[in-house]
Amino acid sequence: MDPDLINSEWLSAVLGADVVITGDRRIGDGLVGMNMRYSLQVPEGSGLPTSLIAKLPSPDPTSRATGIALRNYEREVKFYREVAPTVDIRVAHCYHSDWNPDDGDFVLVLEDLSPGEQGNQITGCSADHSRVAVLELARLHGPRWGDASLDEIEFLSRRGPDDAAGLQALWGMFVPGFFATYAKYLDAEGIALIERFGDRIPEWADGRTMPATVTHGDYRLDNLMFESAQGGYPVAAVDWQTPGHGPASGDVSYFLGAGPPPEVRRDIERPLVGEYLAALGGYGITVDEAEFWHQYCRDAYAGIIMAVVASQIVGSSDRSEGMFAAMATRHTQHALDLGSEALI
């Protein structure tokens, strides 16, 4: 599937109404997928919007191959079909979804979340945006907290002791390339922390204690749309290519580790984690705050893993290098600030 195949006739067929495409343009900086915005002329009274987003495979061969091999395209289509209706987090309405198991091709036709504005991983975000984003996570995690039926959803990604060997192998494979590009952004203490982690991956993977729920897996600023002066939802999450079944602390730690700059994060994270746990109470969930904080601190390493591995398996650009540099430096500082290494 590519943009040339999306025309007025095709869109009319999937929407069940005669629509006319009046304009199109690529939006965002998706590394594994590509997003196109289509302006539409729609029949009066149809209830259809005058703009939609189509999400398609990346045109970059490396990124496309990654999306297929890691099942990112498959997972996103299945998330919208099977999981999104069962959780409360705000996502774009899905008008059409299709995935081809033979070649991994896919397409999603989604609600246009403008005039909401995309977050920026490079610049970071304010304390106010951090609060909105973290409290929205309770609406993802709460509805299916400890839900045993999630075990039956095969496409949700999982990371446990059995996956440690594979993760360690990937780490060893990609760390040299990561350092070749990103060592210049890190200080000596951060480099040393990353170097020591490789040998401890099995211990880290074996230490999770919290009940499992639905997780986003890549809950960061570039995948969030915030309300703008012109309107939009307070926050909505996009890019559901890595939905998982695991502990909620991972999403919370991952966002706060690299969303707000360190000087903002240090002031807000402990009280904000408390607010998040209180929000879970709305779903009848009671969590030991000390144990959640312990897991939150350990999960600072999840962001480092993402920076090291993901930076090596997607296409490279000035924007992607800036983004992964911001992630690597902030997540590493997060682990250092929290003393995460001593908790493995």
Protein backbone atom coordinates (compact mmCIF):
# COMPACT_ATOMS: atom_id res chain seq x y z
CA MET A 1 0.00 0.00 0.00
CA ASP A 2 1.36 3.43 -0.92
CA PRO A 3 -0.13 6.91 -1.35
CA ASP A 4 -0.56 6.47 -5.11
CA LEU A 5 -3.18 3.80 -4.44
CA ILE A 6 -5.29 6.06 -2.26
CA ASN A 7 -7.66 7.92 -4.55
CA SER A 8 -11.23 9.16 -4.31
CA GLU A 9 -12.67 5.88 -5.59
CA TRP A 10 -10.77 3.75 -3.08
CA LEU A 11 -11.61 6.04 -0.17
CA SER A 12 -15.27 6.17 -1.19
CA ALA A 13 -15.36 2.38 -1.17
CA VAL A 14 -13.88 2.02 2.33
CA LEU A 15 -15.98 4.85 3.79
CA GLY A 16 -19.22 3.78 2.15
CA ALA A 17 -19.94 7.25 0.75
CA ASP A 18 -18.96 9.26 -2.32
CA VAL A 19 -16.05 11.43 -1.24
CA VAL A 20 -13.57 13.44 -3.29
CA ILE A 21 -9.96 13.98 -2.26
CA THR A 22 -9.19 17.68 -2.65
CA GLY A 23 -5.66 17.69 -1.24
CA ASP A 24 -3.02 15.54 0.38
CA ARG A 25 0.31 15.93 2.15
CA ARG A 26 2.67 13.92 4.29
CA ILE A 27 2.72 14.83 7.97
CA GLY A 28 4.98 13.99 10.90
CA ASP A 29 8.34 12.26 10.99
CA GLY A 30 7.27 8.65 11.39
CA LEU A 31 10.29 6.35 11.39
CA VAL A 32 8.54 3.02 10.85
CA GLY A 33 5.27 4.22 9.33
CA MET A 34 4.20 7.08 7.05
CA ASN A 35 1.24 9.39 7.71
CA MET A 36 -0.69 11.20 4.99
CA ARG A 37 -3.42 13.80 5.55
CA TYR A 38 -6.24 13.89 2.99
CA SER A 39 -8.62 16.83 2.63
CA LEU A 40 -12.05 15.69 1.51
CA GLN A 41 -15.25 16.87 -0.04
CA VAL A 42 -17.96 14.77 1.63
CA PRO A 43 -21.73 14.42 1.08
CA GLU A 44 -23.84 16.74 3.19
CA GLY A 45 -25.32 14.93 6.17
CA SER A 46 -22.92 11.97 5.85
CA GLY A 47 -21.32 12.63 9.22
CA LEU A 48 -17.89 12.14 7.67
CA PRO A 49 -15.04 14.57 8.47
CA THR A 50 -13.48 16.81 5.86
CA SER A 51 -9.99 15.45 6.56
CA LEU A 52 -8.60 12.04 7.44
CA ILE A 53 -5.22 10.46 8.11
CA ALA A 54 -3.97 7.39 6.27
CA LYS A 55 -1.16 5.47 7.92
CA LEU A 56 0.99 3.38 5.58
CA PRO A 57 4.29 1.46 5.61
CA SER A 58 7.44 3.54 5.61
CA PRO A 59 8.89 4.32 2.14
CA ASP A 60 12.37 3.75 3.63
CA PRO A 61 13.35 0.12 2.87
CA THR A 62 15.16 -0.38 6.20
CA SER A 63 12.30 1.01 8.25
CA ARG A 64 9.71 -0.92 6.24
CA ALA A 65 11.63 -4.17 6.72
CA THR A 66 11.81 -3.44 10.46
CA GLY A 67 8.08 -2.77 10.64
CA ILE A 68 7.32 -6.10 8.97
CA ALA A 69 9.92 -8.17 10.85
CA LEU A 70 8.90 -6.83 14.26
CA ARG A 71 5.19 -7.17 13.40
CA ASN A 72 4.66 -3.46 14.03
CA TYR A 73 2.18 -3.08 11.18
CA GLU A 74 0.24 -6.18 12.16
CA ARG A 75 0.11 -5.18 15.82
CA GLU A 76 -1.20 -1.70 15.10
CA VAL A 77 -4.05 -2.91 12.90
CA LYS A 78 -5.01 -5.55 15.46
CA PHE A 79 -4.78 -3.06 18.33
CA TYR A 80 -7.37 -0.80 16.72
CA ARG A 81 -9.60 -3.77 15.93
CA GLU A 82 -9.37 -5.77 19.15
CA VAL A 83 -7.97 -3.76 22.05
CA ALA A 84 -8.77 -0.07 21.56
CA PRO A 85 -12.52 -0.58 22.21
CA THR A 86 -11.72 -2.15 25.62
CA VAL A 87 -9.65 0.69 27.12
CA ASP A 88 -10.43 4.34 27.89
CA ILE A 89 -7.35 6.13 26.60
CA ARG A 90 -8.10 8.63 23.84
CA VAL A 91 -7.06 7.32 20.42
CA ALA A 92 -7.99 8.36 16.90
CA HIS A 93 -11.21 6.79 15.63
CA CYS A 94 -10.37 4.11 13.07
CA TYR A 95 -12.52 4.20 9.92
CA HIS A 96 -10.75 1.37 8.09
CA SER A 97 -7.94 -1.10 8.75
CA ASP A 98 -6.29 -3.77 6.63
CA TRP A 99 -3.18 -5.92 6.97
CA ASN A 100 -1.85 -8.48 4.51
CA PRO A 101 -0.25 -11.46 6.30
CA ASP A 102 1.53 -12.55 3.12
CA ASP A 103 3.72 -9.47 2.68
CA GLY A 104 3.11 -7.43 5.86
CA ASP A 105 1.54 -4.53 3.98
CA PHE A 106 -1.07 -2.46 5.83
CA VAL A 107 -3.25 0.64 5.82
CA LEU A 108 -5.18 2.48 8.50
CA VAL A 109 -7.67 5.28 7.85
CA LEU A 110 -7.90 7.32 11.02
CA GLU A 111 -9.51 10.39 12.53
CA ASP A 112 -7.50 13.55 11.94
CA LEU A 113 -6.55 14.75 15.42
CA SER A 114 -5.82 18.32 14.30
CA PRO A 115 -5.96 21.05 15.48
CA GLY A 116 -4.17 19.14 18.22
CA GLU A 117 -0.40 19.56 18.05
CA GLN A 118 2.18 16.79 18.11
CA GLY A 119 4.64 16.74 20.99
CA ASN A 120 8.33 17.17 20.25
CA GLN A 121 10.73 14.62 21.69
CA ILE A 122 13.74 16.78 20.95
CA THR A 123 12.62 19.91 22.80
CA GLY A 124 10.80 18.08 25.60
CA CYS A 125 7.61 19.21 27.31
CA SER A 126 6.31 21.25 30.22
CA ALA A 127 5.20 20.03 33.62
CA ASP A 128 1.57 20.64 32.58
CA HIS A 129 1.84 18.47 29.47
CA SER A 130 3.66 15.83 31.52
CA ARG A 131 0.77 15.68 33.98
CA VAL A 132 -1.88 15.40 31.26
CA ALA A 133 0.07 12.63 29.53
CA VAL A 134 0.78 10.56 32.64
CA LEU A 135 -2.77 10.75 33.97
CA GLU A 136 -4.05 9.65 30.55
CA LEU A 137 -1.99 6.47 30.99
CA ALA A 138 -4.27 5.49 33.87
CA ARG A 139 -7.08 5.36 31.29
CA LEU A 140 -5.04 2.84 29.30
CA HIS A 141 -3.80 0.71 32.19
CA GLY A 142 -6.80 0.79 34.50
CA PRO A 143 -9.54 -0.96 32.49
CA ARG A 144 -7.57 -4.21 32.00
CA TRP A 145 -5.27 -4.19 35.03
CA GLY A 146 -4.43 -7.78 35.92
CA ASP A 147 -6.83 -9.07 33.24
CA ALA A 148 -5.95 -12.74 32.69
CA SER A 149 -7.72 -12.76 29.31
CA LEU A 150 -4.89 -10.65 27.90
CA ASP A 151 -2.79 -13.83 27.94
CA GLU A 152 -4.91 -15.02 25.03
CA ILE A 153 -4.10 -12.02 22.80
CA GLU A 154 -1.06 -13.37 20.99
CA PHE A 155 -0.03 -10.23 19.12
CA LEU A 156 0.61 -8.17 22.27
CA SER A 157 4.35 -7.95 22.87
CA ARG A 158 5.78 -9.33 26.09
CA ARG A 159 9.17 -9.15 27.75
CA GLY A 160 10.08 -11.60 30.46
CA PRO A 161 12.95 -13.78 31.66
CA ASP A 162 12.64 -16.02 28.61
CA ASP A 163 13.28 -13.03 26.32
CA ALA A 164 16.40 -11.87 28.15
CA ALA A 165 18.84 -13.88 26.04
CA GLY A 166 17.45 -12.48 22.80
CA LEU A 167 17.47 -8.94 24.15
CA GLN A 168 21.02 -9.37 25.34
CA ALA A 169 22.06 -10.61 21.90
CA LEU A 170 20.45 -7.61 20.22
CA TRP A 171 22.10 -5.31 22.72
CA GLY A 172 25.54 -6.75 22.00
CA MET A 173 24.93 -6.46 18.28
CA PHE A 174 23.78 -2.84 18.30
CA VAL A 175 25.74 -1.14 21.09
CA PRO A 176 28.88 -0.57 18.95
CA GLY A 177 26.87 1.16 16.22
CA PHE A 178 24.94 3.15 18.80
CA PHE A 179 28.13 4.43 20.43
CA ALA A 180 29.63 5.26 17.03
CA THR A 181 26.86 7.81 16.50
CA TYR A 182 25.69 8.80 19.98
CA ALA A 183 28.70 8.62 22.30
CA LYS A 184 29.41 12.26 21.48
CA TYR A 185 26.13 13.24 23.13
CA LEU A 186 26.80 11.35 26.37
CA ASP A 187 29.15 12.09 29.25
CA ALA A 188 31.61 9.54 30.64
CA GLU A 189 29.25 8.53 33.46
CA GLY A 190 26.40 7.85 31.04
CA ILE A 191 28.60 5.84 28.67
CA ALA A 192 29.84 3.72 31.54
CA LEU A 193 26.30 3.07 32.76
CA ILE A 194 25.27 1.82 29.31
CA GLU A 195 28.39 -0.33 28.99
CA ARG A 196 27.72 -2.05 32.32
CA PHE A 197 24.09 -2.80 31.57
CA GLY A 198 24.68 -5.44 28.91
CA ASP A 199 25.89 -8.06 31.38
CA ARG A 200 22.96 -7.38 33.70
CA ILE A 201 20.07 -7.62 31.24
CA PRO A 202 18.93 -11.08 32.48
CA GLU A 203 18.78 -9.83 36.09
CA TRP A 204 16.90 -6.74 35.01
CA ALA A 205 14.36 -8.69 32.95
CA ASP A 206 13.74 -11.09 35.83
CA GLY A 207 12.87 -8.45 38.42
CA ARG A 208 9.38 -7.29 37.48
CA THR A 209 6.70 -7.77 40.12
CA MET A 210 3.67 -5.67 39.14
CA PRO A 211 0.45 -7.08 37.63
CA ALA A 212 0.32 -6.90 33.84
CA THR A 213 -2.03 -4.76 31.76
CA VAL A 214 -2.24 -3.28 28.27
CA THR A 215 0.78 -1.08 27.57
CA HIS A 216 1.62 1.35 24.78
CA GLY A 217 5.29 0.42 24.52
CA ASP A 218 6.46 3.71 22.96
CA TYR A 219 4.57 6.36 24.92
CA ARG A 220 6.63 9.45 24.14
CA LEU A 221 6.05 12.99 22.96
CA ASP A 222 6.26 12.33 19.22
CA ASN A 223 3.40 9.84 19.66
CA LEU A 224 1.10 12.24 21.52
CA MET A 225 -1.21 14.96 20.24
CA PHE A 226 -1.94 17.79 22.68
CA GLU A 227 -4.69 20.40 22.69
CA SER A 228 -3.66 23.58 20.90
CA ALA A 229 -4.99 27.13 21.08
CA GLN A 230 -7.29 26.18 18.18
CA GLY A 231 -8.70 23.13 19.96
CA GLY A 232 -8.30 19.37 19.95
CA TYR A 233 -8.37 16.74 22.70
CA PRO A 234 -6.37 17.42 25.89
CA VAL A 235 -4.13 14.55 24.75
CA ALA A 236 -4.50 11.60 22.38
CA ALA A 237 -2.06 8.76 21.82
CA VAL A 238 -1.04 7.58 18.35
CA ASP A 239 1.43 5.06 16.93
CA TRP A 240 0.16 1.81 18.41
CA GLN A 241 2.79 -0.34 16.70
CA THR A 242 4.19 -1.77 19.93
CA PRO A 243 1.17 -2.54 22.14
CA GLY A 244 2.14 -4.87 24.95
CA HIS A 245 1.03 -6.94 27.89
CA GLY A 246 3.21 -6.01 30.80
CA PRO A 247 3.67 -3.83 33.90
CA ALA A 248 2.30 -0.31 33.75
CA SER A 249 5.41 1.13 35.40
CA GLY A 250 7.25 0.75 32.09
CA ASP A 251 5.04 3.24 30.22
CA VAL A 252 5.10 5.76 33.08
CA SER A 253 8.88 5.62 33.52
CA TYR A 254 9.52 5.70 29.78
CA PHE A 255 7.45 8.84 29.29
CA LEU A 256 8.80 10.77 32.26
CA GLY A 257 12.37 9.66 31.57
CA ALA A 258 12.60 11.58 28.30
CA GLY A 259 9.44 13.68 27.96
CA PRO A 260 10.16 16.58 30.28
CA PRO A 261 13.77 17.84 30.43
CA PRO A 262 15.64 16.50 33.50
CA GLU A 263 15.36 19.76 35.42
CA VAL A 264 11.56 19.66 35.04
CA ARG A 265 11.26 15.92 35.57
CA ARG A 266 13.16 15.93 38.88
CA ASP A 267 10.63 18.33 40.42
CA ILE A 268 7.47 16.57 39.30
CA GLU A 269 8.01 12.84 38.94
CA ARG A 270 7.46 11.56 42.47
CA PRO A 271 4.23 13.52 43.12
CA LEU A 272 3.03 12.80 39.58
CA VAL A 273 3.50 9.06 40.06
CA GLY A 274 1.34 9.44 43.17
CA GLU A 275 -1.38 11.21 41.14
CA TYR A 276 -1.25 8.45 38.53
CA LEU A 277 -1.75 5.78 41.20
CA ALA A 278 -4.66 7.76 42.62
CA ALA A 279 -6.20 7.86 39.14
CA LEU A 280 -5.96 4.06 38.98
CA GLY A 281 -8.10 4.08 42.11
CA GLY A 282 -10.98 5.19 39.88
CA TYR A 283 -10.86 1.69 38.41
CA GLY A 284 -10.89 0.06 41.83
CA ILE A 285 -7.15 -0.61 41.71
CA THR A 286 -5.00 -0.27 44.81
CA VAL A 287 -1.23 -0.33 44.27
CA ASP A 288 1.57 -0.34 46.83
CA GLU A 289 3.18 3.01 46.07
CA ALA A 290 6.64 1.99 47.37
CA GLU A 291 6.70 -1.12 45.19
CA PHE A 292 5.47 0.78 42.13
CA TRP A 293 8.17 3.41 42.66
CA HIS A 294 10.79 0.67 42.95
CA GLN A 295 9.68 -0.78 39.61
CA TYR A 296 9.42 2.69 38.07
CA CYS A 297 13.05 3.34 38.98
CA ARG A 298 14.21 0.01 37.52
CA ASP A 299 12.25 0.71 34.33
CA ALA A 300 14.40 3.72 33.55
CA TYR A 301 16.52 1.20 31.65
CA ALA A 302 13.67 0.50 29.23
CA GLY A 303 14.23 3.91 27.67
CA ILE A 304 17.94 3.23 27.30
CA ILE A 305 17.15 -0.05 25.56
CA MET A 306 14.83 1.73 23.14
CA ALA A 307 17.43 4.38 22.36
CA VAL A 308 20.18 1.81 21.72
CA VAL A 309 18.22 -0.77 19.74
CA ALA A 310 15.64 1.32 17.87
CA SER A 311 18.23 3.84 16.70
CA GLN A 312 20.00 1.05 14.83
CA ILE A 313 17.05 -0.57 13.06
CA VAL A 314 15.26 2.38 11.43
CA GLY A 315 16.29 4.74 8.67
CA SER A 316 18.55 7.60 9.71
CA SER A 317 17.98 11.33 9.28
CA ASP A 318 18.97 14.53 11.05
CA ARG A 319 15.60 14.47 12.84
CA SER A 320 15.96 10.85 13.96
CA GLU A 321 19.48 11.45 15.23
CA GLY A 322 18.34 14.45 17.24
CA MET A 323 15.45 12.47 18.67
CA PHE A 324 17.52 9.44 19.67
CA ALA A 325 20.22 11.71 21.09
CA ALA A 326 17.62 13.41 23.31
CA MET A 327 16.24 10.03 24.37
CA ALA A 328 19.64 8.52 25.08
CA THR A 329 20.87 11.43 27.19
CA ARG A 330 17.64 11.89 29.15
CA HIS A 331 16.97 8.20 29.80
CA THR A 332 20.57 7.68 30.89
CA GLN A 333 20.36 10.66 33.24
CA HIS A 334 17.05 9.31 34.52
CA ALA A 335 18.70 6.01 35.50
CA LEU A 336 21.57 7.85 37.14
CA ASP A 337 19.27 10.21 39.07
CA LEU A 338 17.15 7.32 40.39
CA GLY A 339 20.02 4.98 41.23
CA SER A 340 18.42 2.39 38.94
CA GLU A 341 21.58 0.28 38.63
CA ALA A 342 21.55 -0.57 42.33
CA LEU A 343 17.97 -1.88 42.00
CA ILE A 344 18.72 -4.57 39.41
